[in-house]
C-alpha atoms as a PDB file:
ATOM      1  CA  MET A   1     216.004  61.001 142.865  1.00  0.00           C
ATOM      2  CA  ASP A   2     218.567  59.589 140.465  1.00  0.00           C
ATOM      3  CA  LEU A   3     221.742  58.680 142.302  1.00  0.00           C
ATOM      4  CA  GLU A   4     224.693  56.660 141.116  1.00  0.00           C
ATOM      5  CA  ILE A   5     227.531  55.596 143.400  1.00  0.00           C
ATOM      6  CA  THR A   6     230.072  53.037 142.248  1.00  0.00           C
ATOM      7  CA  LEU A   7     232.062  50.697 144.464  1.00  0.00           C
ATOM      8  CA  THR A   8     235.403  49.519 143.135  1.00  0.00           C
ATOM      9  CA  ASP A   9     236.127  45.804 143.345  1.00  0.00           C
ATOM     10  CA  ASN A  10     238.529  46.483 146.258  1.00  0.00           C
ATOM     11  CA  ALA A  11     235.864  48.434 148.165  1.00  0.00           C
ATOM     12  CA  ALA A  12     233.174  45.818 147.564  1.00  0.00           C
ATOM     13  CA  GLU A  13     235.528  43.035 148.686  1.00  0.00           C
ATOM     14  CA  LYS A  14     236.382  44.870 151.924  1.00  0.00           C
ATOM     15  CA  ILE A  15     232.727  45.715 152.664  1.00  0.00           C
ATOM     16  CA  LEU A  16     231.694  42.081 152.161  1.00  0.00           C
ATOM     17  CA  GLU A  17     234.578  40.985 154.387  1.00  0.00           C
ATOM     18  CA  VAL A  18     233.349  43.275 157.193  1.00  0.00           C
ATOM     19  CA  ILE A  19     229.757  42.082 156.754  1.00  0.00           C
ATOM     20  CA  ASN A  20     230.841  38.435 156.931  1.00  0.00           C
ATOM     21  CA  GLU A  21     233.089  39.004 159.964  1.00  0.00           C
ATOM     22  CA  ASN A  22     230.203  40.574 161.853  1.00  0.00           C
ATOM     23  CA  ASP A  23     227.665  37.951 160.744  1.00  0.00           C
ATOM     24  CA  VAL A  24     225.023  40.559 159.889  1.00  0.00           C
ATOM     25  CA  THR A  25     222.146  39.469 157.679  1.00  0.00           C
ATOM     26  CA  ASP A  26     220.550  42.804 156.708  1.00  0.00           C
ATOM     27  CA  ALA A  27     223.680  44.963 156.436  1.00  0.00           C
ATOM     28  CA  TYR A  28     224.143  48.045 154.297  1.00  0.00           C
ATOM     29  CA  LEU A  29     226.726  50.739 153.713  1.00  0.00           C
ATOM     30  CA  ALA A  30     225.643  54.180 154.909  1.00  0.00           C
ATOM     31  CA  ILE A  31     227.367  57.096 153.177  1.00  0.00           C
ATOM     32  CA  TYR A  32     227.008  60.726 154.202  1.00  0.00           C
ATOM     33  CA  VAL A  33     228.568  64.135 153.615  1.00  0.00           C
ATOM     34  CA  SER A  34     229.469  66.686 156.255  1.00  0.00           C
ATOM     35  CA  GLY A  35     231.449  69.904 156.264  1.00  0.00           C
ATOM     36  CA  GLY A  36     232.290  71.956 153.246  1.00  0.00           C
ATOM     37  CA  GLY A  37     233.850  75.340 152.623  1.00  0.00           C
ATOM     38  CA  CYS A  38     237.616  75.638 152.406  1.00  0.00           C
ATOM     39  CA  SER A  39     238.195  72.245 153.991  1.00  0.00           C
ATOM     40  CA  GLY A  40     236.077  70.582 151.302  1.00  0.00           C
ATOM     41  CA  LEU A  41     233.474  67.902 151.710  1.00  0.00           C
ATOM     42  CA  GLN A  42     234.062  65.326 154.408  1.00  0.00           C
ATOM     43  CA  TYR A  43     232.726  61.837 153.772  1.00  0.00           C
ATOM     44  CA  GLY A  44     231.496  59.338 156.292  1.00  0.00           C
ATOM     45  CA  LEU A  45     231.009  55.635 155.687  1.00  0.00           C
ATOM     46  CA  ALA A  46     229.521  53.242 158.204  1.00  0.00           C
ATOM     47  CA  MET A  47     228.231  49.708 158.214  1.00  0.00           C
ATOM     48  CA  ALA A  48     224.678  49.502 159.496  1.00  0.00           C
ATOM     49  CA  ASP A  49     221.947  46.894 159.659  1.00  0.00           C
ATOM     50  CA  GLY A  50     218.182  46.813 159.764  1.00  0.00           C
ATOM     51  CA  GLU A  51     216.071  49.399 157.994  1.00  0.00           C
ATOM     52  CA  PRO A  52     217.609  52.641 156.695  1.00  0.00           C
ATOM     53  CA  GLU A  53     215.905  55.935 157.516  1.00  0.00           C
ATOM     54  CA  ILE A  54     212.661  56.564 155.638  1.00  0.00           C
ATOM     55  CA  ASP A  55     214.083  59.466 153.591  1.00  0.00           C
ATOM     56  CA  ASP A  56     217.363  57.715 152.679  1.00  0.00           C
ATOM     57  CA  VAL A  57     218.079  57.079 149.014  1.00  0.00           C
ATOM     58  CA  ILE A  58     218.719  53.368 148.522  1.00  0.00           C
ATOM     59  CA  LEU A  59     220.811  51.915 145.718  1.00  0.00           C
ATOM     60  CA  PHE A  60     222.804  48.785 145.006  1.00  0.00           C
ATOM     61  CA  ASP A  61     226.219  48.220 143.480  1.00  0.00           C
ATOM     62  CA  LYS A  62     227.972  44.858 143.273  1.00  0.00           C
ATOM     63  CA  ASN A  63     225.083  43.360 145.299  1.00  0.00           C
ATOM     64  CA  ILE A  64     225.806  45.702 148.210  1.00  0.00           C
ATOM     65  CA  LYS A  65     222.988  47.849 149.570  1.00  0.00           C
ATOM     66  CA  ILE A  66     223.959  51.515 149.931  1.00  0.00           C
ATOM     67  CA  ALA A  67     221.920  54.093 151.848  1.00  0.00           C
ATOM     68  CA  VAL A  68     222.546  57.820 151.465  1.00  0.00           C
ATOM     69  CA  ASP A  69     220.673  60.397 153.499  1.00  0.00           C
ATOM     70  CA  PHE A  70     218.556  62.714 151.361  1.00  0.00           C
ATOM     71  CA  HIS A  71     220.687  65.797 152.157  1.00  0.00           C
ATOM     72  CA  SER A  72     223.949  64.098 151.146  1.00  0.00           C
ATOM     73  CA  ALA A  73     222.576  62.502 147.979  1.00  0.00           C
ATOM     74  CA  LYS A  74     222.744  65.738 145.983  1.00  0.00           C
ATOM     75  CA  TYR A  75     226.510  65.910 146.557  1.00  0.00           C
ATOM     76  CA  LEU A  76     227.352  62.280 145.824  1.00  0.00           C
ATOM     77  CA  ASN A  77     225.960  61.505 142.379  1.00  0.00           C
ATOM     78  CA  GLY A  78     228.715  59.905 140.306  1.00  0.00           C
ATOM     79  CA  ALA A  79     231.004  59.275 143.294  1.00  0.00           C
ATOM     80  CA  VAL A  80     233.311  56.263 143.342  1.00  0.00           C
ATOM     81  CA  VAL A  81     234.157  54.541 146.634  1.00  0.00           C
ATOM     82  CA  ASP A  82     237.496  52.740 146.694  1.00  0.00           C
ATOM     83  CA  TYR A  83     239.471  50.857 149.322  1.00  0.00           C
ATOM     84  CA  VAL A  84     243.172  51.703 149.219  1.00  0.00           C
ATOM     85  CA  GLU A  85     246.099  50.018 150.937  1.00  0.00           C
ATOM     86  CA  ASN A  86     249.302  52.063 150.924  1.00  0.00           C
ATOM     87  CA  GLY A  87     252.057  50.604 153.066  1.00  0.00           C
ATOM     88  CA  MET A  88     250.914  51.005 156.665  1.00  0.00           C
ATOM     89  CA  GLN A  89     247.826  53.058 155.780  1.00  0.00           C
ATOM     90  CA  SER A  90     244.581  51.656 154.501  1.00  0.00           C
ATOM     91  CA  GLY A  91     241.039  52.890 154.225  1.00  0.00           C
ATOM     92  CA  PHE A  92     238.147  53.942 152.089  1.00  0.00           C
ATOM     93  CA  LYS A  93     238.505  56.839 149.687  1.00  0.00           C
ATOM     94  CA  VAL A  94     235.695  58.712 147.940  1.00  0.00           C
ATOM     95  CA  GLU A  95     236.395  60.171 144.510  1.00  0.00           C
ATOM     96  CA  ASN A  96     233.680  62.742 143.928  1.00  0.00           C
ATOM     97  CA  PRO A  97     233.337  64.487 140.562  1.00  0.00           C
ATOM     98  CA  ASN A  98     231.070  67.107 142.211  1.00  0.00           C
ATOM     99  CA  ALA A  99     233.684  68.348 144.686  1.00  0.00           C
ATOM    100  CA  SER A 100     235.398  71.552 143.716  1.00  0.00           C
ATOM    101  CA  LYS A 101     239.175  71.631 143.636  1.00  0.00           C
ATOM    102  CA  SER A 102     239.524  75.107 145.103  1.00  0.00           C
ATOM    103  CA  CYS A 103     237.583  77.621 147.160  1.00  0.00           C
ATOM    104  CA  GLY A 104     237.149  81.386 147.364  1.00  0.00           C
ATOM    105  CA  CYS A 105     240.310  81.807 149.431  1.00  0.00           C
ATOM    106  CA  ARG A 106     242.219  80.145 146.555  1.00  0.00           C
ATOM    107  CA  SER A 107     243.594  77.312 148.679  1.00  0.00           C
ATOM    108  CA  GLU A 108     243.529  73.935 146.980  1.00  0.00           C
ATOM    109  CA  GLU A 109     241.836  70.904 148.463  1.00  0.00           C
END
């Protein structure tokens, strides 16, 4: 399966910082999708170590190993993961070109 996910420089820097703080040697970023419908896709990101699941799609960006479960992979091709700091709020943000901007009830995401 062809899958492309891009990490911004800010995201890669933060991920490497977390890996180094936790002194993990075989770390990877796990990305998954849950939800859908009117609330839109919900994204989950987690640091993990060891071996990913056997059916995970594995890719690398900026020398960071990324694992995406097979079900989520079809929704994430072309996604960009960023790390944003806005005043007192900070966190990862997924920009997904596959996510629709509206649903059948005409409410915007």
